[in-house]
């Protein structure tokens, strides 16, 4: 492995950590209708666990209403049960053709809980990024030990990996701050 491959690996893994954080935040219910809250819910469809967005059309009818219209009407009850069994905290309303999810306004207490969750996810992402840095540094140390890179190359590479770490940790903070602001908006 060359030092450039270490940098590429480092950047790739760190950017995936940020993408994962954004996906986690997308599934947090912040008071507004958002189809991504359904991303983690799957329904047993012909013996195969299938995500709801593959079984139904999902649309936002109003700021706080999500409408789920199954492509196959026979799966409607199963989708309803899966939503009820999930942890999103919304009771589905089934009218026989579509399922409606009405997102209630968040209470102050729930907002504070969500902000704590946002901080927790942000911190977990930064820990993951620092873990990636650690792995990259170990690889660079091995390259130096094996005389693939010089001491000067090692020092420069160490700085570059730290720059990536700082950049992606700052990005995680920025994403967390944006989600916190969205949650605290009334």
C-alpha atoms as a PDB file:
ATOM      1  CA  UNK A   1       0.000   0.000   0.000  1.00  0.00           C
ATOM      2  CA  UNK A   2       1.353   3.429  -0.919  1.00  0.00           C
ATOM      3  CA  UNK A   3       0.859   6.597   1.084  1.00  0.00           C
ATOM      4  CA  UNK A   4      -1.524   7.902  -1.611  1.00  0.00           C
ATOM      5  CA  UNK A   5      -3.651   4.787  -1.186  1.00  0.00           C
ATOM      6  CA  UNK A   6      -3.696   5.479   2.555  1.00  0.00           C
ATOM      7  CA  UNK A   7      -4.924   9.044   1.863  1.00  0.00           C
ATOM      8  CA  UNK A   8      -7.574   7.833  -0.574  1.00  0.00           C
ATOM      9  CA  UNK A   9      -8.755   5.166   1.871  1.00  0.00           C
ATOM     10  CA  UNK A  10      -8.842   7.720   4.668  1.00  0.00           C
ATOM     11  CA  UNK A  11     -10.864  10.262   2.672  1.00  0.00           C
ATOM     12  CA  UNK A  12     -13.250   7.628   1.347  1.00  0.00           C
ATOM     13  CA  UNK A  13     -14.012   6.131   4.762  1.00  0.00           C
ATOM     14  CA  UNK A  14     -14.362   9.536   6.434  1.00  0.00           C
ATOM     15  CA  UNK A  15     -16.744  10.828   3.759  1.00  0.00           C
ATOM     16  CA  UNK A  16     -18.805   7.629   4.143  1.00  0.00           C
ATOM     17  CA  UNK A  17     -18.970   8.317   7.889  1.00  0.00           C
ATOM     18  CA  UNK A  18     -20.448  11.762   7.166  1.00  0.00           C
ATOM     19  CA  UNK A  19     -22.917  10.261   4.664  1.00  0.00           C
ATOM     20  CA  UNK A  20     -23.965   7.719   7.277  1.00  0.00           C
ATOM     21  CA  UNK A  21     -24.468  10.508   9.819  1.00  0.00           C
ATOM     22  CA  UNK A  22     -26.689  12.393   7.386  1.00  0.00           C
ATOM     23  CA  UNK A  23     -28.691   9.213   6.785  1.00  0.00           C
ATOM     24  CA  UNK A  24     -29.102   8.709  10.546  1.00  0.00           C
ATOM     25  CA  UNK A  25     -30.294  12.302  10.919  1.00  0.00           C
ATOM     26  CA  UNK A  26     -32.718  11.861   8.038  1.00  0.00           C
ATOM     27  CA  UNK A  27     -34.452   9.085   9.924  1.00  0.00           C
ATOM     28  CA  UNK A  28     -34.944  11.259  13.033  1.00  0.00           C
ATOM     29  CA  UNK A  29     -38.468  12.609  13.244  1.00  0.00           C
ATOM     30  CA  UNK A  30     -38.162  16.375  13.583  1.00  0.00           C
ATOM     31  CA  UNK A  31     -41.827  17.418  13.508  1.00  0.00           C
ATOM     32  CA  UNK A  32     -42.076  17.753   9.736  1.00  0.00           C
ATOM     33  CA  UNK A  33     -43.209  15.028   7.358  1.00  0.00           C
ATOM     34  CA  UNK A  34     -40.142  13.308   5.961  1.00  0.00           C
ATOM     35  CA  UNK A  35     -40.235  10.052   3.993  1.00  0.00           C
ATOM     36  CA  UNK A  36     -36.782   9.036   5.245  1.00  0.00           C
ATOM     37  CA  UNK A  37     -38.268   8.142   8.656  1.00  0.00           C
ATOM     38  CA  UNK A  38     -39.536   5.013   6.892  1.00  0.00           C
ATOM     39  CA  UNK A  39     -36.116   4.000   5.534  1.00  0.00           C
ATOM     40  CA  UNK A  40     -35.369   1.574   8.366  1.00  0.00           C
ATOM     41  CA  UNK A  41     -38.785  -0.085   8.310  1.00  0.00           C
ATOM     42  CA  UNK A  42     -39.167  -3.219   6.244  1.00  0.00           C
ATOM     43  CA  UNK A  43     -42.227  -5.349   5.527  1.00  0.00           C
ATOM     44  CA  UNK A  44     -42.318  -9.074   4.868  1.00  0.00           C
ATOM     45  CA  UNK A  45     -43.395  -9.280   1.185  1.00  0.00           C
ATOM     46  CA  UNK A  46     -43.557 -12.774  -0.329  1.00  0.00           C
ATOM     47  CA  UNK A  47     -41.105 -13.983   2.309  1.00  0.00           C
ATOM     48  CA  UNK A  48     -38.562 -11.229   1.696  1.00  0.00           C
ATOM     49  CA  UNK A  49     -38.040  -8.227   3.990  1.00  0.00           C
ATOM     50  CA  UNK A  50     -38.639  -5.230   1.713  1.00  0.00           C
ATOM     51  CA  UNK A  51     -38.397  -1.506   2.446  1.00  0.00           C
ATOM     52  CA  UNK A  52     -41.675   0.417   2.373  1.00  0.00           C
ATOM     53  CA  UNK A  53     -40.410   2.807  -0.327  1.00  0.00           C
ATOM     54  CA  UNK A  54     -40.098  -0.215  -2.661  1.00  0.00           C
ATOM     55  CA  UNK A  55     -43.656  -1.329  -1.976  1.00  0.00           C
ATOM     56  CA  UNK A  56     -45.494   1.978  -2.080  1.00  0.00           C
ATOM     57  CA  UNK A  57     -45.512   5.515  -3.352  1.00  0.00           C
ATOM     58  CA  UNK A  58     -44.689   7.914  -0.528  1.00  0.00           C
ATOM     59  CA  UNK A  59     -45.615  11.575  -0.719  1.00  0.00           C
ATOM     60  CA  UNK A  60     -45.877  14.579   1.582  1.00  0.00           C
ATOM     61  CA  UNK A  61     -49.414  15.952   1.287  1.00  0.00           C
ATOM     62  CA  UNK A  62     -48.951  18.787   3.801  1.00  0.00           C
ATOM     63  CA  UNK A  63     -46.063  19.891   5.995  1.00  0.00           C
ATOM     64  CA  UNK A  64     -46.987  17.371   8.683  1.00  0.00           C
ATOM     65  CA  UNK A  65     -48.713  14.617   6.648  1.00  0.00           C
ATOM     66  CA  UNK A  66     -47.115  11.689   4.868  1.00  0.00           C
ATOM     67  CA  UNK A  67     -49.217   9.546   2.519  1.00  0.00           C
ATOM     68  CA  UNK A  68     -48.211   5.956   1.731  1.00  0.00           C
ATOM     69  CA  UNK A  69     -50.007   4.387  -1.235  1.00  0.00           C
ATOM     70  CA  UNK A  70     -49.066   0.714  -1.755  1.00  0.00           C
ATOM     71  CA  UNK A  71     -48.618  -0.562  -5.302  1.00  0.00           C
ATOM     72  CA  UNK A  72     -50.322  -3.788  -4.160  1.00  0.00           C
ATOM     73  CA  UNK A  73     -53.440  -3.135  -2.014  1.00  0.00           C
ATOM     74  CA  UNK A  74     -52.998  -6.521  -0.320  1.00  0.00           C
ATOM     75  CA  UNK A  75     -49.888  -5.331   1.513  1.00  0.00           C
ATOM     76  CA  UNK A  76     -51.626  -2.329   3.137  1.00  0.00           C
ATOM     77  CA  UNK A  77     -52.269  -4.073   6.489  1.00  0.00           C
ATOM     78  CA  UNK A  78     -48.684  -5.403   6.620  1.00  0.00           C
ATOM     79  CA  UNK A  79     -47.261  -1.912   6.058  1.00  0.00           C
ATOM     80  CA  UNK A  80     -49.527  -0.552   8.786  1.00  0.00           C
ATOM     81  CA  UNK A  81     -48.364  -3.261  11.240  1.00  0.00           C
ATOM     82  CA  UNK A  82     -44.699  -2.637  10.420  1.00  0.00           C
ATOM     83  CA  UNK A  83     -45.092   1.096  11.088  1.00  0.00           C
ATOM     84  CA  UNK A  84     -46.881   0.404  14.373  1.00  0.00           C
ATOM     85  CA  UNK A  85     -44.132  -2.012  15.442  1.00  0.00           C
ATOM     86  CA  UNK A  86     -41.373   0.494  14.584  1.00  0.00           C
ATOM     87  CA  UNK A  87     -39.959   3.123  16.922  1.00  0.00           C
ATOM     88  CA  UNK A  88     -40.976   6.221  14.940  1.00  0.00           C
ATOM     89  CA  UNK A  89     -43.741   7.028  17.422  1.00  0.00           C
ATOM     90  CA  UNK A  90     -46.501   7.771  14.910  1.00  0.00           C
ATOM     91  CA  UNK A  91     -49.754   5.852  14.689  1.00  0.00           C
ATOM     92  CA  UNK A  92     -50.716   5.148  11.056  1.00  0.00           C
ATOM     93  CA  UNK A  93     -54.234   5.936   9.843  1.00  0.00           C
ATOM     94  CA  UNK A  94     -55.505   3.399   7.307  1.00  0.00           C
ATOM     95  CA  UNK A  95     -58.518   4.310   5.136  1.00  0.00           C
ATOM     96  CA  UNK A  96     -58.462   1.112   3.057  1.00  0.00           C
ATOM     97  CA  UNK A  97     -56.550   2.632   0.128  1.00  0.00           C
ATOM     98  CA  UNK A  98     -53.708   4.635   1.668  1.00  0.00           C
ATOM     99  CA  UNK A  99     -51.958   5.038   4.991  1.00  0.00           C
ATOM    100  CA  UNK A 100     -51.587   8.510   6.423  1.00  0.00           C
ATOM    101  CA  UNK A 101     -48.962   9.451   8.955  1.00  0.00           C
ATOM    102  CA  UNK A 102     -49.683  12.688  10.783  1.00  0.00           C
ATOM    103  CA  UNK A 103     -46.564  14.109  12.410  1.00  0.00           C
ATOM    104  CA  UNK A 104     -47.566  15.857  15.618  1.00  0.00           C
ATOM    105  CA  UNK A 105     -45.712  19.025  16.610  1.00  0.00           C
ATOM    106  CA  UNK A 106     -42.798  18.235  18.888  1.00  0.00           C
ATOM    107  CA  UNK A 107     -43.024  19.011  22.580  1.00  0.00           C
ATOM    108  CA  UNK A 108     -40.186  20.876  24.259  1.00  0.00           C
ATOM    109  CA  UNK A 109     -39.225  17.699  26.104  1.00  0.00           C
ATOM    110  CA  UNK A 110     -39.122  15.661  22.873  1.00  0.00           C
ATOM    111  CA  UNK A 111     -37.015  18.353  21.188  1.00  0.00           C
ATOM    112  CA  UNK A 112     -34.462  18.136  24.007  1.00  0.00           C
ATOM    113  CA  UNK A 113     -34.368  14.330  23.671  1.00  0.00           C
ATOM    114  CA  UNK A 114     -33.818  14.633  19.925  1.00  0.00           C
ATOM    115  CA  UNK A 115     -31.031  17.181  20.406  1.00  0.00           C
ATOM    116  CA  UNK A 116     -29.295  14.734  22.760  1.00  0.00           C
ATOM    117  CA  UNK A 117     -29.644  12.027  20.118  1.00  0.00           C
ATOM    118  CA  UNK A 118     -28.230  14.391  17.484  1.00  0.00           C
ATOM    119  CA  UNK A 119     -25.205  15.077  19.685  1.00  0.00           C
ATOM    120  CA  UNK A 120     -24.757  11.363  20.365  1.00  0.00           C
ATOM    121  CA  UNK A 121     -24.773  10.495  16.642  1.00  0.00           C
ATOM    122  CA  UNK A 122     -22.393  13.377  15.912  1.00  0.00           C
ATOM    123  CA  UNK A 123     -19.984  12.217  18.610  1.00  0.00           C
ATOM    124  CA  UNK A 124     -20.147   8.603  17.399  1.00  0.00           C
ATOM    125  CA  UNK A 125     -19.268   9.791  13.906  1.00  0.00           C
ATOM    126  CA  UNK A 126     -16.289  11.772  15.182  1.00  0.00           C
ATOM    127  CA  UNK A 127     -15.106   8.696  17.120  1.00  0.00           C
ATOM    128  CA  UNK A 128     -15.382   6.656  13.899  1.00  0.00           C
ATOM    129  CA  UNK A 129     -13.392   9.302  12.022  1.00  0.00           C
ATOM    130  CA  UNK A 130     -10.677   9.256  14.688  1.00  0.00           C
ATOM    131  CA  UNK A 131     -10.621   5.454  14.420  1.00  0.00           C
ATOM    132  CA  UNK A 132     -10.023   5.776  10.685  1.00  0.00           C
ATOM    133  CA  UNK A 133      -7.200   8.209  11.440  1.00  0.00           C
ATOM    134  CA  UNK A 134      -5.712   5.678  13.875  1.00  0.00           C
ATOM    135  CA  UNK A 135      -5.796   2.913  11.241  1.00  0.00           C
ATOM    136  CA  UNK A 136      -4.218   5.220   8.652  1.00  0.00           C
ATOM    137  CA  UNK A 137      -1.446   6.191  11.086  1.00  0.00           C
ATOM    138  CA  UNK A 138      -0.730   2.528  11.858  1.00  0.00           C
ATOM    139  CA  UNK A 139      -0.442   1.825   8.137  1.00  0.00           C
ATOM    140  CA  UNK A 140       1.893   4.814   7.676  1.00  0.00           C
ATOM    141  CA  UNK A 141       4.056   3.644  10.598  1.00  0.00           C
ATOM    142  CA  UNK A 142       4.307   0.217   8.981  1.00  0.00           C
ATOM    143  CA  UNK A 143       5.302   1.814   5.664  1.00  0.00           C
ATOM    144  CA  UNK A 144       8.015   3.796   7.472  1.00  0.00           C
ATOM    145  CA  UNK A 145       9.217   0.706   9.331  1.00  0.00           C
ATOM    146  CA  UNK A 146       9.396  -1.256   6.067  1.00  0.00           C
ATOM    147  CA  UNK A 147      11.377   1.656   4.510  1.00  0.00           C
ATOM    148  CA  UNK A 148       8.688   2.276   1.874  1.00  0.00           C
ATOM    149  CA  UNK A 149       8.500   5.937   2.944  1.00  0.00           C
ATOM    150  CA  UNK A 150      11.096   8.188   4.575  1.00  0.00           C
ATOM    151  CA  UNK A 151      10.843   9.925   7.946  1.00  0.00           C
ATOM    152  CA  UNK A 152      10.026  13.231   6.187  1.00  0.00           C
ATOM    153  CA  UNK A 153       7.312  11.528   4.105  1.00  0.00           C
ATOM    154  CA  UNK A 154       5.919  10.048   7.299  1.00  0.00           C
ATOM    155  CA  UNK A 155       5.755  13.447   9.023  1.00  0.00           C
ATOM    156  CA  UNK A 156       4.066  15.049   5.995  1.00  0.00           C
ATOM    157  CA  UNK A 157       1.654  12.146   5.675  1.00  0.00           C
ATOM    158  CA  UNK A 158       0.848  12.351   9.380  1.00  0.00           C
ATOM    159  CA  UNK A 159      -0.053  16.038   8.949  1.00  0.00           C
ATOM    160  CA  UNK A 160      -2.204  15.295   5.912  1.00  0.00           C
ATOM    161  CA  UNK A 161      -4.142  12.547   7.704  1.00  0.00           C
ATOM    162  CA  UNK A 162      -4.681  14.918  10.643  1.00  0.00           C
ATOM    163  CA  UNK A 163      -5.948  17.600   8.233  1.00  0.00           C
ATOM    164  CA  UNK A 164      -8.480  15.099   6.825  1.00  0.00           C
ATOM    165  CA  UNK A 165      -9.520  14.204  10.368  1.00  0.00           C
ATOM    166  CA  UNK A 166      -9.998  17.846  11.356  1.00  0.00           C
ATOM    167  CA  UNK A 167     -11.905  18.602   8.145  1.00  0.00           C
ATOM    168  CA  UNK A 168     -14.329  15.692   8.525  1.00  0.00           C
ATOM    169  CA  UNK A 169     -14.830  16.238  12.279  1.00  0.00           C
ATOM    170  CA  UNK A 170     -15.721  19.870  11.488  1.00  0.00           C
ATOM    171  CA  UNK A 171     -18.112  18.616   8.794  1.00  0.00           C
ATOM    172  CA  UNK A 172     -19.766  16.287  11.341  1.00  0.00           C
ATOM    173  CA  UNK A 173     -20.173  19.242  13.727  1.00  0.00           C
ATOM    174  CA  UNK A 174     -21.680  21.330  10.920  1.00  0.00           C
ATOM    175  CA  UNK A 175     -24.191  18.614   9.970  1.00  0.00           C
ATOM    176  CA  UNK A 176     -25.114  18.121  13.648  1.00  0.00           C
ATOM    177  CA  UNK A 177     -25.592  21.866  14.177  1.00  0.00           C
ATOM    178  CA  UNK A 178     -27.881  22.071  11.126  1.00  0.00           C
ATOM    179  CA  UNK A 179     -30.008  19.158  12.382  1.00  0.00           C
ATOM    180  CA  UNK A 180     -30.148  20.664  15.878  1.00  0.00           C
ATOM    181  CA  UNK A 181     -31.328  23.969  14.421  1.00  0.00           C
ATOM    182  CA  UNK A 182     -34.014  22.144  12.397  1.00  0.00           C
ATOM    183  CA  UNK A 183     -35.253  20.339  15.521  1.00  0.00           C
ATOM    184  CA  UNK A 184     -35.346  23.459  17.675  1.00  0.00           C
ATOM    185  CA  UNK A 185     -37.301  25.482  15.078  1.00  0.00           C
ATOM    186  CA  UNK A 186     -40.888  25.954  16.139  1.00  0.00           C
END
